[in-house]
Amino acid sequence: MDNHPKRNLGHWAHQIMTAFQCEANKSLQEFGIGFSEAVPLMILYFHGPDSLVEIANRLNFSHPSVLRQIDSLEKLGLVLRTPHPEDRRVKIVKLTDQGKKLAPKIMEKIQAINKAATSGISDNEVDLLFTMLNKILINLSGEKCQSLKNVENHLR
């Protein structure tokens, strides 16, 4: 791989993520949330109630970042924090009925963005893309980058 910016993985990953977030924010605007709030909401939808720390670990986000997102979702009535049954210091976050109803609609919007992003690319090429991205993630999940191992473990 040469040093040309067009062959820089970090550059492309950033550009793709920025474009995806922009499209998601536009698409989710009708629900009154942005992509940053949709991500922990979808984690709760697929994995069920969990602590803030576990949600942050699943997302590879900082605890304060997830706390802000959960605060926002709670104000919208989409999630509820309840005390942990065994540890009073821990709060469990779960979807409200309103959050459970909204999650499939959000998933439809995200799937539409994924479909638009892969337009003109064959199913085999998309499968190959995800295989290569997973290999890149594994390659970057060395000893010095424990947070990436969290992401890798949640992909399984």
Protein backbone atom coordinates (compact mmCIF):
# COMPACT_ATOMS: atom_id res chain seq x y z
CA MET A 1 0.00 0.00 0.00
CA ASP A 2 1.44 3.37 -0.98
CA ASN A 3 1.18 6.71 0.85
CA HIS A 4 -1.39 8.31 -1.43
CA PRO A 5 -4.44 9.57 0.54
CA LYS A 6 -6.75 7.57 -1.74
CA ARG A 7 -5.14 4.42 -0.34
CA ASN A 8 -5.42 5.39 3.33
CA LEU A 9 -7.86 3.13 5.22
CA GLY A 10 -8.39 5.65 8.01
CA HIS A 11 -9.34 8.31 5.49
CA TRP A 12 -11.91 6.06 3.78
CA ALA A 13 -13.31 4.73 7.05
CA HIS A 14 -13.80 8.29 8.28
CA GLN A 15 -15.40 9.44 5.01
CA ILE A 16 -17.80 6.49 4.94
CA MET A 17 -18.76 6.90 8.59
CA THR A 18 -19.34 10.64 8.14
CA ALA A 19 -21.53 10.05 5.08
CA PHE A 20 -23.44 7.25 6.84
CA GLN A 21 -24.07 9.42 9.92
CA CYS A 22 -25.24 12.31 7.74
CA GLU A 23 -27.73 10.09 5.87
CA ALA A 24 -28.90 8.47 9.11
CA ASN A 25 -29.40 11.83 10.80
CA LYS A 26 -31.52 13.03 7.88
CA SER A 27 -33.49 9.80 7.78
CA LEU A 28 -34.09 9.61 11.54
CA GLN A 29 -35.05 13.27 11.90
CA GLU A 30 -38.74 12.37 11.62
CA PHE A 31 -38.41 10.36 14.84
CA GLY A 32 -36.76 13.21 16.73
CA ILE A 33 -33.46 11.38 17.20
CA GLY A 34 -30.09 11.28 15.51
CA PHE A 35 -27.75 8.46 14.66
CA SER A 36 -25.87 8.85 17.96
CA GLU A 37 -29.07 8.12 19.92
CA ALA A 38 -30.20 5.38 17.52
CA VAL A 39 -27.08 3.30 18.11
CA PRO A 40 -27.58 2.57 21.85
CA LEU A 41 -31.32 2.22 21.27
CA MET A 42 -30.63 -0.53 18.72
CA ILE A 43 -28.16 -2.22 21.08
CA LEU A 44 -30.93 -2.40 23.69
CA TYR A 45 -33.39 -3.64 21.07
CA PHE A 46 -31.16 -6.52 19.99
CA HIS A 47 -29.48 -7.37 23.30
CA GLY A 48 -32.12 -6.44 25.87
CA PRO A 49 -31.72 -4.43 29.09
CA ASP A 50 -28.16 -3.72 30.16
CA SER A 51 -26.02 -1.47 32.32
CA LEU A 52 -24.50 1.75 31.01
CA VAL A 53 -21.03 0.22 31.27
CA GLU A 54 -22.01 -2.80 29.18
CA ILE A 55 -23.72 -0.63 26.57
CA ALA A 56 -20.56 1.52 26.37
CA ASN A 57 -18.41 -1.62 26.01
CA ARG A 58 -20.62 -3.02 23.26
CA LEU A 59 -20.36 0.25 21.34
CA ASN A 60 -16.70 0.93 22.11
CA PHE A 61 -17.80 4.35 23.40
CA SER A 62 -16.84 6.14 26.58
CA HIS A 63 -19.19 5.88 29.56
CA PRO A 64 -19.88 9.67 29.60
CA SER A 65 -20.75 9.60 25.89
CA VAL A 66 -23.26 6.78 26.37
CA LEU A 67 -24.64 8.50 29.46
CA ARG A 68 -25.46 11.61 27.36
CA GLN A 69 -27.14 9.45 24.70
CA ILE A 70 -29.18 7.56 27.30
CA ASP A 71 -30.15 10.87 28.97
CA SER A 72 -31.47 12.07 25.62
CA LEU A 73 -33.36 8.82 24.96
CA GLU A 74 -34.84 8.92 28.46
CA LYS A 75 -36.11 12.50 27.95
CA LEU A 76 -37.83 11.28 24.78
CA GLY A 77 -39.49 8.45 26.71
CA LEU A 78 -37.68 5.75 24.72
CA VAL A 79 -35.67 4.20 27.57
CA LEU A 80 -36.01 3.82 31.30
CA ARG A 81 -33.31 3.41 33.95
CA THR A 82 -34.04 1.09 36.83
CA PRO A 83 -31.90 0.03 39.81
CA HIS A 84 -29.90 -3.17 39.41
CA PRO A 85 -31.54 -5.87 41.54
CA GLU A 86 -28.25 -6.77 43.28
CA ASP A 87 -26.06 -3.66 43.03
CA ARG A 88 -27.65 -0.31 43.93
CA ARG A 89 -24.75 1.56 42.32
CA VAL A 90 -25.66 0.19 38.89
CA LYS A 91 -28.58 1.29 36.75
CA ILE A 92 -30.11 -1.02 34.17
CA VAL A 93 -31.31 0.65 30.98
CA LYS A 94 -34.25 -0.85 29.13
CA LEU A 95 -36.50 0.16 26.27
CA THR A 96 -39.94 1.52 27.07
CA ASP A 97 -42.93 0.35 25.04
CA GLN A 98 -42.47 3.47 22.90
CA GLY A 99 -38.79 2.55 22.36
CA LYS A 100 -39.73 -1.02 21.41
CA LYS A 101 -42.19 0.29 18.83
CA LEU A 102 -39.70 2.76 17.38
CA ALA A 103 -36.72 0.39 17.08
CA PRO A 104 -38.02 -1.60 14.05
CA LYS A 105 -38.75 1.68 12.24
CA ILE A 106 -35.19 2.83 12.91
CA MET A 107 -33.87 -0.51 11.69
CA GLU A 108 -35.81 -0.08 8.44
CA LYS A 109 -34.21 3.34 7.91
CA ILE A 110 -30.71 1.99 8.62
CA GLN A 111 -31.27 -0.96 6.27
CA ALA A 112 -32.37 1.46 3.54
CA ILE A 113 -29.13 3.42 4.00
CA ASN A 114 -27.12 0.18 3.84
CA LYS A 115 -28.97 -0.78 0.64
CA ALA A 116 -28.29 2.63 -0.91
CA ALA A 117 -24.62 2.43 0.14
CA THR A 118 -24.18 -0.95 -1.54
CA SER A 119 -26.18 -0.10 -4.66
CA GLY A 120 -24.44 -1.43 -7.76
CA ILE A 121 -22.37 -3.88 -5.71
CA SER A 122 -23.13 -7.59 -6.00
CA ASP A 123 -24.06 -9.70 -2.98
CA ASN A 124 -20.75 -11.56 -3.35
CA GLU A 125 -18.84 -8.27 -3.35
CA VAL A 126 -20.73 -7.09 -0.25
CA ASP A 127 -19.93 -10.39 1.50
CA LEU A 128 -16.27 -9.98 0.50
CA LEU A 129 -16.30 -6.38 1.77
CA PHE A 130 -17.55 -7.46 5.20
CA THR A 131 -15.04 -10.31 5.30
CA MET A 132 -12.22 -7.89 4.55
CA LEU A 133 -13.46 -5.29 7.04
CA ASN A 134 -13.61 -7.96 9.73
CA LYS A 135 -10.03 -9.01 8.90
CA ILE A 136 -8.89 -5.38 9.12
CA LEU A 137 -10.59 -5.02 12.50
CA ILE A 138 -8.92 -8.21 13.74
CA ASN A 139 -5.56 -6.96 12.43
CA LEU A 140 -6.01 -3.73 14.39
CA SER A 141 -7.11 -5.50 17.57
CA GLY A 142 -3.60 -6.03 18.90
CA GLU A 143 -2.47 -5.94 22.51
CA LYS A 144 -2.23 -2.14 22.46
CA CYS A 145 -5.86 -1.68 21.47
CA GLN A 146 -8.08 -3.46 23.98
CA SER A 147 -11.12 -1.39 23.01
CA LEU A 148 -11.10 -2.91 19.53
CA LYS A 149 -11.19 -6.36 21.08
CA ASN A 150 -14.49 -5.37 22.70
CA VAL A 151 -15.87 -4.56 19.25
CA GLU A 152 -14.53 -7.82 17.81
CA ASN A 153 -16.12 -9.86 20.62
CA HIS A 154 -19.51 -8.26 19.97
CA LEU A 155 -19.32 -9.06 16.25
CA ARG A 156 -19.34 -12.76 17.04
